[in-house]
Amino acid sequence: MSAVGGRRPPLQTNRIDPLNYRHHFHAGNYADVFKHVLLLQLVRAMQRKEKGFLYLDTHAGRGGYDLSVTSILPDGRSREPEHPAGIGRLWGEAGLPAVLNDYLALVRRFNDRQGATGDELKFYPGSPWIAKLLLRPQDRMALCELRTDDAEALDFDFARESRVTVQAIDGYIGLKAMLPPPEKRALVLIDPPFESKAEFTGVRRGLGEALRRMPGAVIAVWYPITERARTDEFHYAVRELAVPTFYVELNIAGDGSLLRMKGCGLLILNPPWQIDGEIRAVLPVLADRLKVDSGASAHSAWLVPER
């Protein structure tokens, strides 16, 4: 239920989850910038139609992150923050494309509402707040998060926000539970932690279930690029779904780099009209601003062409 008129009842959870992934380590890094700029473009594209839609985030994480808090590794060592090489490369910069200025304005709104002063970047929004700051009164948001402490924090964060629901469940179960929505329009973000080598298989299975329930859903899937062969296998599996699919990839370093994750990508199934051209226009700027070495590159193509 939404929070109109007061707080929602306490979030119901019934398990302690063993997942190790904590996004705070990576908040505001190059992958977040890439994902959130494209998410902004997708939401704007969905809003070209007046009719409302459901935004469903299957692996929502926390609503936002305090960048001033030191990330501590399991062995007690502090971890170097990643945001200076991500959002830090854009913050306060002039001469950027309009979509990047739009993205930075959203980050600034979140930063300000969390209590930051002046031009200091202290707080970074997760995907839930990127979307919520964009949604119209007729749009609705559903957030799934399996990790109980993150789900509780997420529920607290959005307790007074209207037309938002938080579920402490596996996001793939959320696809079955929430599609198709009453609005009959949906934008789904699948952004798993990829802790397991089986995650690509889980995503493929989830996509099949989502499309079975709602063939016209717009679905965006974020994925890391660590092994090219595994990424190609994933693309092949998605191609078999036989729905229009556009993909975008950003590599911040070349093959010779020692970075484990040299890049990331976003698959968009049933992409909104003309979104491919809008994304392609900003890709070179992202690659240039976020690069680690001269091997950085950006690429986009239709995996399954529009009919």
C-alpha atoms as a PDB file:
ATOM      1  CA  MET A   1       0.000   0.000   0.000  1.00  0.00           C
ATOM      2  CA  SER A   2       1.135   3.525  -0.620  1.00  0.00           C
ATOM      3  CA  ALA A   3       2.055   5.958   2.094  1.00  0.00           C
ATOM      4  CA  VAL A   4      -0.691   8.506   1.503  1.00  0.00           C
ATOM      5  CA  GLY A   5      -1.661  10.019   4.848  1.00  0.00           C
ATOM      6  CA  GLY A   6       1.154   8.435   6.876  1.00  0.00           C
ATOM      7  CA  ARG A   7       3.657   5.657   7.171  1.00  0.00           C
ATOM      8  CA  ARG A   8       3.074   2.181   5.811  1.00  0.00           C
ATOM      9  CA  PRO A   9       2.840  -0.763   8.216  1.00  0.00           C
ATOM     10  CA  PRO A  10       6.252  -2.311   9.061  1.00  0.00           C
ATOM     11  CA  LEU A  11       7.816  -4.306   6.242  1.00  0.00           C
ATOM     12  CA  GLN A  12       7.197  -8.040   6.636  1.00  0.00           C
ATOM     13  CA  THR A  13      10.382 -10.102   6.396  1.00  0.00           C
ATOM     14  CA  ASN A  14      10.885 -13.695   7.379  1.00  0.00           C
ATOM     15  CA  ARG A  15      14.528 -14.483   6.754  1.00  0.00           C
ATOM     16  CA  ILE A  16      18.102 -13.418   7.283  1.00  0.00           C
ATOM     17  CA  ASP A  17      19.724 -13.392   3.888  1.00  0.00           C
ATOM     18  CA  PRO A  18      23.339 -14.541   3.389  1.00  0.00           C
ATOM     19  CA  LEU A  19      24.120 -12.387   0.370  1.00  0.00           C
ATOM     20  CA  ASN A  20      27.535 -10.723   0.578  1.00  0.00           C
ATOM     21  CA  TYR A  21      27.169  -8.007  -2.037  1.00  0.00           C
ATOM     22  CA  ARG A  22      27.043  -4.444  -0.686  1.00  0.00           C
ATOM     23  CA  HIS A  23      26.543  -1.742  -3.282  1.00  0.00           C
ATOM     24  CA  HIS A  24      27.862   0.968  -0.967  1.00  0.00           C
ATOM     25  CA  PHE A  25      31.344  -0.111  -2.070  1.00  0.00           C
ATOM     26  CA  HIS A  26      30.501   0.888  -5.644  1.00  0.00           C
ATOM     27  CA  ALA A  27      27.994   3.748  -5.239  1.00  0.00           C
ATOM     28  CA  GLY A  28      28.477   6.494  -7.796  1.00  0.00           C
ATOM     29  CA  ASN A  29      31.097   4.607  -9.801  1.00  0.00           C
ATOM     30  CA  TYR A  30      31.270   4.528 -13.595  1.00  0.00           C
ATOM     31  CA  ALA A  31      28.772   1.657 -13.787  1.00  0.00           C
ATOM     32  CA  ASP A  32      26.246   3.629 -11.731  1.00  0.00           C
ATOM     33  CA  VAL A  33      26.690   6.683 -13.936  1.00  0.00           C
ATOM     34  CA  PHE A  34      26.195   4.599 -17.077  1.00  0.00           C
ATOM     35  CA  LYS A  35      23.160   2.755 -15.688  1.00  0.00           C
ATOM     36  CA  HIS A  36      21.465   5.818 -14.233  1.00  0.00           C
ATOM     37  CA  VAL A  37      21.924   8.032 -17.287  1.00  0.00           C
ATOM     38  CA  LEU A  38      20.314   5.321 -19.424  1.00  0.00           C
ATOM     39  CA  LEU A  39      17.584   4.734 -16.840  1.00  0.00           C
ATOM     40  CA  LEU A  40      16.767   8.439 -16.956  1.00  0.00           C
ATOM     41  CA  GLN A  41      16.480   8.234 -20.747  1.00  0.00           C
ATOM     42  CA  LEU A  42      14.199   5.206 -20.507  1.00  0.00           C
ATOM     43  CA  VAL A  43      11.874   6.836 -17.977  1.00  0.00           C
ATOM     44  CA  ARG A  44      11.672   9.994 -20.085  1.00  0.00           C
ATOM     45  CA  ALA A  45      10.875   7.875 -23.148  1.00  0.00           C
ATOM     46  CA  MET A  46       8.080   6.067 -21.282  1.00  0.00           C
ATOM     47  CA  GLN A  47       6.631   9.440 -20.297  1.00  0.00           C
ATOM     48  CA  ARG A  48       6.124  10.537 -23.879  1.00  0.00           C
ATOM     49  CA  LYS A  49       2.752   8.865 -23.477  1.00  0.00           C
ATOM     50  CA  GLU A  50       0.363  10.429 -20.990  1.00  0.00           C
ATOM     51  CA  LYS A  51      -0.810   7.088 -19.581  1.00  0.00           C
ATOM     52  CA  GLY A  52       0.935   6.051 -16.382  1.00  0.00           C
ATOM     53  CA  PHE A  53       3.178   3.006 -16.022  1.00  0.00           C
ATOM     54  CA  LEU A  54       4.700   0.763 -13.380  1.00  0.00           C
ATOM     55  CA  TYR A  55       8.429   1.064 -12.716  1.00  0.00           C
ATOM     56  CA  LEU A  56       9.568  -2.269 -11.247  1.00  0.00           C
ATOM     57  CA  ASP A  57      13.073  -2.611  -9.789  1.00  0.00           C
ATOM     58  CA  THR A  58      13.842  -6.278  -9.101  1.00  0.00           C
ATOM     59  CA  HIS A  59      17.113  -5.771  -7.188  1.00  0.00           C
ATOM     60  CA  ALA A  60      16.602  -2.333  -5.686  1.00  0.00           C
ATOM     61  CA  GLY A  61      19.320  -2.204  -3.014  1.00  0.00           C
ATOM     62  CA  ARG A  62      19.131   0.845  -0.767  1.00  0.00           C
ATOM     63  CA  GLY A  63      17.499   4.105  -1.753  1.00  0.00           C
ATOM     64  CA  GLY A  64      20.742   6.051  -1.584  1.00  0.00           C
ATOM     65  CA  TYR A  65      24.268   6.110  -0.213  1.00  0.00           C
ATOM     66  CA  ASP A  66      26.346   8.376   2.012  1.00  0.00           C
ATOM     67  CA  LEU A  67      29.602   8.772   0.110  1.00  0.00           C
ATOM     68  CA  SER A  68      31.381  10.154   3.164  1.00  0.00           C
ATOM     69  CA  VAL A  69      31.058   6.834   5.024  1.00  0.00           C
ATOM     70  CA  THR A  70      34.141   4.665   4.647  1.00  0.00           C
ATOM     71  CA  SER A  71      33.513   1.227   3.155  1.00  0.00           C
ATOM     72  CA  ILE A  72      35.060  -1.527   5.285  1.00  0.00           C
ATOM     73  CA  LEU A  73      36.064  -4.876   3.825  1.00  0.00           C
ATOM     74  CA  PRO A  74      35.360  -8.148   5.727  1.00  0.00           C
ATOM     75  CA  ASP A  75      38.999  -8.256   6.880  1.00  0.00           C
ATOM     76  CA  GLY A  76      38.682  -4.817   8.456  1.00  0.00           C
ATOM     77  CA  ARG A  77      40.589  -2.858   5.831  1.00  0.00           C
ATOM     78  CA  SER A  78      39.050   0.285   4.392  1.00  0.00           C
ATOM     79  CA  ARG A  79      38.128   0.250   0.729  1.00  0.00           C
ATOM     80  CA  GLU A  80      39.019   3.010  -1.684  1.00  0.00           C
ATOM     81  CA  PRO A  81      35.845   4.799  -2.825  1.00  0.00           C
ATOM     82  CA  GLU A  82      34.920   4.392  -6.476  1.00  0.00           C
ATOM     83  CA  HIS A  83      32.757   7.493  -6.926  1.00  0.00           C
ATOM     84  CA  PRO A  84      35.635   9.921  -7.667  1.00  0.00           C
ATOM     85  CA  ALA A  85      36.254   8.042 -10.931  1.00  0.00           C
ATOM     86  CA  GLY A  86      32.517   7.956 -11.677  1.00  0.00           C
ATOM     87  CA  ILE A  87      30.140  10.755 -10.723  1.00  0.00           C
ATOM     88  CA  GLY A  88      33.214  12.707  -9.580  1.00  0.00           C
ATOM     89  CA  ARG A  89      34.342  13.023 -13.202  1.00  0.00           C
ATOM     90  CA  LEU A  90      31.106  14.877 -14.071  1.00  0.00           C
ATOM     91  CA  TRP A  91      30.223  16.770 -10.893  1.00  0.00           C
ATOM     92  CA  GLY A  92      30.621  20.513 -11.414  1.00  0.00           C
ATOM     93  CA  GLU A  93      31.727  20.135 -15.036  1.00  0.00           C
ATOM     94  CA  ALA A  94      30.473  22.486 -17.754  1.00  0.00           C
ATOM     95  CA  GLY A  95      29.775  21.857 -21.430  1.00  0.00           C
ATOM     96  CA  LEU A  96      28.053  18.505 -20.963  1.00  0.00           C
ATOM     97  CA  PRO A  97      25.154  17.201 -23.105  1.00  0.00           C
ATOM     98  CA  ALA A  98      21.651  18.018 -21.895  1.00  0.00           C
ATOM     99  CA  VAL A  99      20.939  14.458 -20.719  1.00  0.00           C
ATOM    100  CA  LEU A 100      24.013  14.479 -18.468  1.00  0.00           C
ATOM    101  CA  ASN A 101      22.996  17.832 -17.022  1.00  0.00           C
ATOM    102  CA  ASP A 102      19.541  16.335 -16.395  1.00  0.00           C
ATOM    103  CA  TYR A 103      21.154  13.388 -14.610  1.00  0.00           C
ATOM    104  CA  LEU A 104      23.391  15.661 -12.523  1.00  0.00           C
ATOM    105  CA  ALA A 105      20.366  17.762 -11.559  1.00  0.00           C
ATOM    106  CA  LEU A 106      18.674  14.609 -10.192  1.00  0.00           C
ATOM    107  CA  VAL A 107      21.773  13.708  -8.193  1.00  0.00           C
ATOM    108  CA  ARG A 108      21.927  17.270  -6.843  1.00  0.00           C
ATOM    109  CA  ARG A 109      18.251  17.151  -5.820  1.00  0.00           C
ATOM    110  CA  PHE A 110      18.862  13.952  -3.871  1.00  0.00           C
ATOM    111  CA  ASN A 111      22.090  15.297  -2.390  1.00  0.00           C
ATOM    112  CA  ASP A 112      20.310  18.460  -1.213  1.00  0.00           C
ATOM    113  CA  ARG A 113      17.283  16.673   0.232  1.00  0.00           C
ATOM    114  CA  GLN A 114      19.602  14.460   2.286  1.00  0.00           C
ATOM    115  CA  GLY A 115      21.160  17.540   3.889  1.00  0.00           C
ATOM    116  CA  ALA A 116      24.304  18.287   1.884  1.00  0.00           C
ATOM    117  CA  THR A 117      25.208  21.964   1.622  1.00  0.00           C
ATOM    118  CA  GLY A 118      26.800  23.999  -1.129  1.00  0.00           C
ATOM    119  CA  ASP A 119      28.433  22.131  -3.982  1.00  0.00           C
ATOM    120  CA  GLU A 120      29.639  19.206  -1.864  1.00  0.00           C
ATOM    121  CA  LEU A 121      28.657  15.796  -3.252  1.00  0.00           C
ATOM    122  CA  LYS A 122      27.977  13.728  -0.155  1.00  0.00           C
ATOM    123  CA  PHE A 123      24.941  11.598  -1.015  1.00  0.00           C
ATOM    124  CA  TYR A 124      24.345   9.532  -4.143  1.00  0.00           C
ATOM    125  CA  PRO A 125      20.924   8.140  -5.169  1.00  0.00           C
ATOM    126  CA  GLY A 126      20.371   4.508  -6.026  1.00  0.00           C
ATOM    127  CA  SER A 127      18.143   3.533  -8.928  1.00  0.00           C
ATOM    128  CA  PRO A 128      14.977   3.793  -6.788  1.00  0.00           C
ATOM    129  CA  TRP A 129      15.507   7.491  -6.122  1.00  0.00           C
ATOM    130  CA  ILE A 130      16.654   8.205  -9.685  1.00  0.00           C
ATOM    131  CA  ALA A 131      13.310   6.818 -10.840  1.00  0.00           C
ATOM    132  CA  LYS A 132      11.191   8.329  -8.058  1.00  0.00           C
ATOM    133  CA  LEU A 133      12.465  11.849  -8.719  1.00  0.00           C
ATOM    134  CA  LEU A 134      11.316  11.457 -12.328  1.00  0.00           C
ATOM    135  CA  LEU A 135       7.943   9.770 -11.896  1.00  0.00           C
ATOM    136  CA  ARG A 136       4.678  11.638 -12.474  1.00  0.00           C
ATOM    137  CA  PRO A 137       1.551  11.388 -10.291  1.00  0.00           C
ATOM    138  CA  GLN A 138       0.080   8.791 -12.665  1.00  0.00           C
ATOM    139  CA  ASP A 139       3.196   6.588 -12.515  1.00  0.00           C
ATOM    140  CA  ARG A 140       3.843   3.961  -9.842  1.00  0.00           C
ATOM    141  CA  MET A 141       6.941   2.272  -8.412  1.00  0.00           C
ATOM    142  CA  ALA A 142       7.460  -1.231  -6.967  1.00  0.00           C
ATOM    143  CA  LEU A 143      10.783  -2.155  -5.364  1.00  0.00           C
ATOM    144  CA  CYS A 144      12.032  -5.674  -4.590  1.00  0.00           C
ATOM    145  CA  GLU A 145      15.025  -6.357  -2.358  1.00  0.00           C
ATOM    146  CA  LEU A 146      15.944  -9.784  -1.001  1.00  0.00           C
ATOM    147  CA  ARG A 147      18.488  -8.673   1.605  1.00  0.00           C
ATOM    148  CA  THR A 148      16.421  -7.937   4.692  1.00  0.00           C
ATOM    149  CA  ASP A 149      18.457  -5.057   6.143  1.00  0.00           C
ATOM    150  CA  ASP A 150      18.529  -3.268   2.802  1.00  0.00           C
ATOM    151  CA  ALA A 151      14.808  -3.927   2.285  1.00  0.00           C
ATOM    152  CA  GLU A 152      14.007  -2.454   5.695  1.00  0.00           C
ATOM    153  CA  ALA A 153      16.147   0.609   4.994  1.00  0.00           C
ATOM    154  CA  LEU A 154      14.460   0.983   1.623  1.00  0.00           C
ATOM    155  CA  ASP A 155      11.017   0.736   3.162  1.00  0.00           C
ATOM    156  CA  PHE A 156      11.903   3.366   5.767  1.00  0.00           C
ATOM    157  CA  ASP A 157      13.313   5.651   3.071  1.00  0.00           C
ATOM    158  CA  PHE A 158      10.104   5.548   1.021  1.00  0.00           C
ATOM    159  CA  ALA A 159       7.591   5.256   3.873  1.00  0.00           C
ATOM    160  CA  ARG A 160       6.077   8.691   3.223  1.00  0.00           C
ATOM    161  CA  GLU A 161       6.315   8.531  -0.570  1.00  0.00           C
ATOM    162  CA  SER A 162       3.064   7.994  -2.422  1.00  0.00           C
ATOM    163  CA  ARG A 163       2.556   5.268  -5.038  1.00  0.00           C
ATOM    164  CA  VAL A 164       5.587   3.278  -3.888  1.00  0.00           C
ATOM    165  CA  THR A 165       5.609  -0.301  -2.583  1.00  0.00           C
ATOM    166  CA  VAL A 166       8.568  -2.205  -1.158  1.00  0.00           C
ATOM    167  CA  GLN A 167       8.689  -6.009  -1.074  1.00  0.00           C
ATOM    168  CA  ALA A 168      11.350  -8.040   0.755  1.00  0.00           C
ATOM    169  CA  ILE A 169      11.342 -10.776  -1.876  1.00  0.00           C
ATOM    170  CA  ASP A 170      13.480 -12.233  -4.630  1.00  0.00           C
ATOM    171  CA  GLY A 171      13.161  -9.936  -7.627  1.00  0.00           C
ATOM    172  CA  TYR A 172      12.502 -12.823  -9.990  1.00  0.00           C
ATOM    173  CA  ILE A 173       9.498 -13.761  -7.860  1.00  0.00           C
ATOM    174  CA  GLY A 174       8.510 -10.100  -8.073  1.00  0.00           C
ATOM    175  CA  LEU A 175       8.322 -10.396 -11.849  1.00  0.00           C
ATOM    176  CA  LYS A 176       5.689 -13.104 -11.476  1.00  0.00           C
ATOM    177  CA  ALA A 177       3.820 -11.282  -8.725  1.00  0.00           C
ATOM    178  CA  MET A 178       3.662  -7.813 -10.284  1.00  0.00           C
ATOM    179  CA  LEU A 179       3.348  -8.341 -14.018  1.00  0.00           C
ATOM    180  CA  PRO A 180       1.180  -7.433 -15.759  1.00  0.00           C
ATOM    181  CA  PRO A 181       0.256  -4.308 -13.735  1.00  0.00           C
ATOM    182  CA  PRO A 182      -3.158  -2.601 -13.808  1.00  0.00           C
ATOM    183  CA  GLU A 183      -1.603   0.227 -15.846  1.00  0.00           C
ATOM    184  CA  LYS A 184      -0.803  -2.289 -18.619  1.00  0.00           C
ATOM    185  CA  ARG A 185       2.503  -0.472 -19.150  1.00  0.00           C
ATOM    186  CA  ALA A 186       5.745  -1.345 -17.372  1.00  0.00           C
ATOM    187  CA  LEU A 187       9.417  -0.432 -17.268  1.00  0.00           C
ATOM    188  CA  VAL A 188      11.410  -3.130 -15.470  1.00  0.00           C
ATOM    189  CA  LEU A 189      14.995  -2.791 -14.271  1.00  0.00           C
ATOM    190  CA  ILE A 190      16.827  -6.058 -13.567  1.00  0.00           C
ATOM    191  CA  ASP A 191      20.111  -5.203 -11.886  1.00  0.00           C
ATOM    192  CA  PRO A 192      21.347  -8.239  -9.926  1.00  0.00           C
ATOM    193  CA  PRO A 193      24.631  -8.358  -7.974  1.00  0.00           C
ATOM    194  CA  PHE A 194      26.128 -11.083 -10.190  1.00  0.00           C
ATOM    195  CA  GLU A 195      27.741 -12.783  -7.191  1.00  0.00           C
ATOM    196  CA  SER A 196      27.057 -16.179  -8.736  1.00  0.00           C
ATOM    197  CA  LYS A 197      28.164 -17.493 -12.111  1.00  0.00           C
ATOM    198  CA  ALA A 198      24.605 -18.735 -12.514  1.00  0.00           C
ATOM    199  CA  GLU A 199      23.193 -15.192 -12.426  1.00  0.00           C
ATOM    200  CA  PHE A 200      23.049 -14.897 -16.227  1.00  0.00           C
ATOM    201  CA  THR A 201      20.961 -18.079 -16.283  1.00  0.00           C
ATOM    202  CA  GLY A 202      18.661 -16.652 -13.633  1.00  0.00           C
ATOM    203  CA  VAL A 203      18.244 -13.433 -15.603  1.00  0.00           C
ATOM    204  CA  ARG A 204      17.414 -15.349 -18.771  1.00  0.00           C
ATOM    205  CA  ARG A 205      14.819 -17.405 -16.925  1.00  0.00           C
ATOM    206  CA  GLY A 206      13.351 -14.268 -15.368  1.00  0.00           C
ATOM    207  CA  LEU A 207      13.118 -12.557 -18.739  1.00  0.00           C
ATOM    208  CA  GLY A 208      11.224 -15.504 -20.166  1.00  0.00           C
ATOM    209  CA  GLU A 209       8.755 -15.423 -17.285  1.00  0.00           C
ATOM    210  CA  ALA A 210       8.286 -11.648 -17.496  1.00  0.00           C
ATOM    211  CA  LEU A 211       7.640 -11.735 -21.231  1.00  0.00           C
ATOM    212  CA  ARG A 212       5.276 -14.661 -20.881  1.00  0.00           C
ATOM    213  CA  ARG A 213       3.210 -12.614 -18.460  1.00  0.00           C
ATOM    214  CA  MET A 214       3.599  -9.289 -20.272  1.00  0.00           C
ATOM    215  CA  PRO A 215       5.002  -9.558 -23.822  1.00  0.00           C
ATOM    216  CA  GLY A 216       5.151  -5.783 -24.303  1.00  0.00           C
ATOM    217  CA  ALA A 217       7.018  -4.888 -21.108  1.00  0.00           C
ATOM    218  CA  VAL A 218      10.074  -2.661 -21.522  1.00  0.00           C
ATOM    219  CA  ILE A 219      12.837  -4.494 -19.662  1.00  0.00           C
ATOM    220  CA  ALA A 220      16.367  -3.208 -19.013  1.00  0.00           C
ATOM    221  CA  VAL A 221      19.043  -5.605 -17.762  1.00  0.00           C
ATOM    222  CA  TRP A 222      22.354  -4.337 -16.395  1.00  0.00           C
ATOM    223  CA  TYR A 223      25.301  -6.739 -16.596  1.00  0.00           C
ATOM    224  CA  PRO A 224      29.063  -6.633 -15.908  1.00  0.00           C
ATOM    225  CA  ILE A 225      31.645  -7.322 -18.580  1.00  0.00           C
ATOM    226  CA  THR A 226      34.298  -9.551 -17.052  1.00  0.00           C
ATOM    227  CA  GLU A 227      34.523 -12.400 -19.543  1.00  0.00           C
ATOM    228  CA  ARG A 228      33.584 -11.723 -23.143  1.00  0.00           C
ATOM    229  CA  ALA A 229      32.601 -15.338 -23.793  1.00  0.00           C
ATOM    230  CA  ARG A 230      30.072 -15.334 -20.957  1.00  0.00           C
ATOM    231  CA  THR A 231      28.558 -12.054 -22.164  1.00  0.00           C
ATOM    232  CA  ASP A 232      28.255 -13.429 -25.696  1.00  0.00           C
ATOM    233  CA  GLU A 233      26.524 -16.549 -24.362  1.00  0.00           C
ATOM    234  CA  PHE A 234      24.059 -14.341 -22.508  1.00  0.00           C
ATOM    235  CA  HIS A 235      23.353 -12.335 -25.659  1.00  0.00           C
ATOM    236  CA  TYR A 236      22.764 -15.552 -27.579  1.00  0.00           C
ATOM    237  CA  ALA A 237      20.303 -16.782 -24.943  1.00  0.00           C
ATOM    238  CA  VAL A 238      18.401 -13.490 -24.983  1.00  0.00           C
ATOM    239  CA  ARG A 239      18.281 -13.504 -28.781  1.00  0.00           C
ATOM    240  CA  GLU A 240      16.278 -16.728 -28.588  1.00  0.00           C
ATOM    241  CA  LEU A 241      13.451 -14.824 -26.872  1.00  0.00           C
ATOM    242  CA  ALA A 242      12.784 -13.242 -30.275  1.00  0.00           C
ATOM    243  CA  VAL A 243      11.688  -9.814 -29.034  1.00  0.00           C
ATOM    244  CA  PRO A 244      13.226  -6.503 -30.201  1.00  0.00           C
ATOM    245  CA  THR A 245      16.394  -6.034 -28.149  1.00  0.00           C
ATOM    246  CA  PHE A 246      18.927  -3.224 -28.184  1.00  0.00           C
ATOM    247  CA  TYR A 247      22.146  -3.391 -26.184  1.00  0.00           C
ATOM    248  CA  VAL A 248      24.685  -0.833 -25.048  1.00  0.00           C
ATOM    249  CA  GLU A 249      28.166  -1.467 -23.649  1.00  0.00           C
ATOM    250  CA  LEU A 250      30.728   0.818 -22.054  1.00  0.00           C
ATOM    251  CA  ASN A 251      34.319  -0.273 -21.539  1.00  0.00           C
ATOM    252  CA  ILE A 252      36.468   2.073 -19.465  1.00  0.00           C
ATOM    253  CA  ALA A 253      39.687   0.177 -20.184  1.00  0.00           C
ATOM    254  CA  GLY A 254      41.221  -1.968 -22.900  1.00  0.00           C
ATOM    255  CA  ASP A 255      41.842  -5.711 -22.864  1.00  0.00           C
ATOM    256  CA  GLY A 256      45.325  -5.246 -21.412  1.00  0.00           C
ATOM    257  CA  SER A 257      44.045  -3.568 -18.254  1.00  0.00           C
ATOM    258  CA  LEU A 258      44.336  -5.365 -14.911  1.00  0.00           C
ATOM    259  CA  LEU A 259      40.820  -4.252 -13.958  1.00  0.00           C
ATOM    260  CA  ARG A 260      38.592  -7.253 -13.259  1.00  0.00           C
ATOM    261  CA  MET A 261      35.463  -5.481 -14.509  1.00  0.00           C
ATOM    262  CA  LYS A 262      36.539  -3.424 -17.491  1.00  0.00           C
ATOM    263  CA  GLY A 263      33.028  -2.443 -18.482  1.00  0.00           C
ATOM    264  CA  CYS A 264      29.320  -3.039 -18.224  1.00  0.00           C
ATOM    265  CA  GLY A 265      26.293  -3.206 -20.450  1.00  0.00           C
ATOM    266  CA  LEU A 266      22.560  -2.673 -20.600  1.00  0.00           C
ATOM    267  CA  LEU A 267      20.159  -4.848 -22.587  1.00  0.00           C
ATOM    268  CA  ILE A 268      16.834  -3.213 -23.416  1.00  0.00           C
ATOM    269  CA  LEU A 269      13.998  -5.496 -24.514  1.00  0.00           C
ATOM    270  CA  ASN A 270      11.066  -3.828 -26.275  1.00  0.00           C
ATOM    271  CA  PRO A 271      12.935  -0.499 -26.270  1.00  0.00           C
ATOM    272  CA  PRO A 272      10.861   2.695 -26.562  1.00  0.00           C
ATOM    273  CA  TRP A 273      10.726   4.325 -29.976  1.00  0.00           C
ATOM    274  CA  GLN A 274      13.928   6.203 -30.951  1.00  0.00           C
ATOM    275  CA  ILE A 275      15.703   5.436 -27.667  1.00  0.00           C
ATOM    276  CA  ASP A 276      18.573   3.855 -29.587  1.00  0.00           C
ATOM    277  CA  GLY A 277      19.520   7.163 -31.215  1.00  0.00           C
ATOM    278  CA  GLU A 278      19.207   9.063 -27.931  1.00  0.00           C
ATOM    279  CA  ILE A 279      21.511   6.623 -26.155  1.00  0.00           C
ATOM    280  CA  ARG A 280      24.031   6.559 -28.980  1.00  0.00           C
ATOM    281  CA  ALA A 281      24.314  10.348 -28.829  1.00  0.00           C
ATOM    282  CA  VAL A 282      25.607  10.328 -25.240  1.00  0.00           C
ATOM    283  CA  LEU A 283      27.792   7.207 -25.377  1.00  0.00           C
ATOM    284  CA  PRO A 284      30.975   8.861 -26.739  1.00  0.00           C
ATOM    285  CA  VAL A 285      30.874  11.458 -23.971  1.00  0.00           C
ATOM    286  CA  LEU A 286      30.465   8.796 -21.289  1.00  0.00           C
ATOM    287  CA  ALA A 287      33.360   6.783 -22.718  1.00  0.00           C
ATOM    288  CA  ASP A 288      35.603   9.856 -22.848  1.00  0.00           C
ATOM    289  CA  ARG A 289      34.753  11.163 -19.376  1.00  0.00           C
ATOM    290  CA  LEU A 290      34.867   7.817 -17.570  1.00  0.00           C
ATOM    291  CA  LYS A 291      37.820   6.159 -19.302  1.00  0.00           C
ATOM    292  CA  VAL A 292      40.731   4.694 -17.365  1.00  0.00           C
ATOM    293  CA  ASP A 293      43.039   4.228 -20.339  1.00  0.00           C
ATOM    294  CA  SER A 294      43.163   4.729 -24.102  1.00  0.00           C
ATOM    295  CA  GLY A 295      41.477   1.376 -24.682  1.00  0.00           C
ATOM    296  CA  ALA A 296      38.126   2.707 -23.474  1.00  0.00           C
ATOM    297  CA  SER A 297      35.244   2.302 -25.895  1.00  0.00           C
ATOM    298  CA  ALA A 298      31.477   2.309 -26.196  1.00  0.00           C
ATOM    299  CA  HIS A 299      29.336   0.173 -28.460  1.00  0.00           C
ATOM    300  CA  SER A 300      25.655  -0.301 -29.194  1.00  0.00           C
ATOM    301  CA  ALA A 301      23.693  -2.468 -31.602  1.00  0.00           C
ATOM    302  CA  TRP A 302      20.416  -4.271 -32.141  1.00  0.00           C
ATOM    303  CA  LEU A 303      20.613  -7.820 -30.860  1.00  0.00           C
ATOM    304  CA  VAL A 304      17.156  -8.491 -32.274  1.00  0.00           C
ATOM    305  CA  PRO A 305      16.039  -5.787 -34.752  1.00  0.00           C
ATOM    306  CA  GLU A 306      12.691  -4.071 -34.475  1.00  0.00           C
ATOM    307  CA  ARG A 307      10.037  -5.648 -36.662  1.00  0.00           C
END
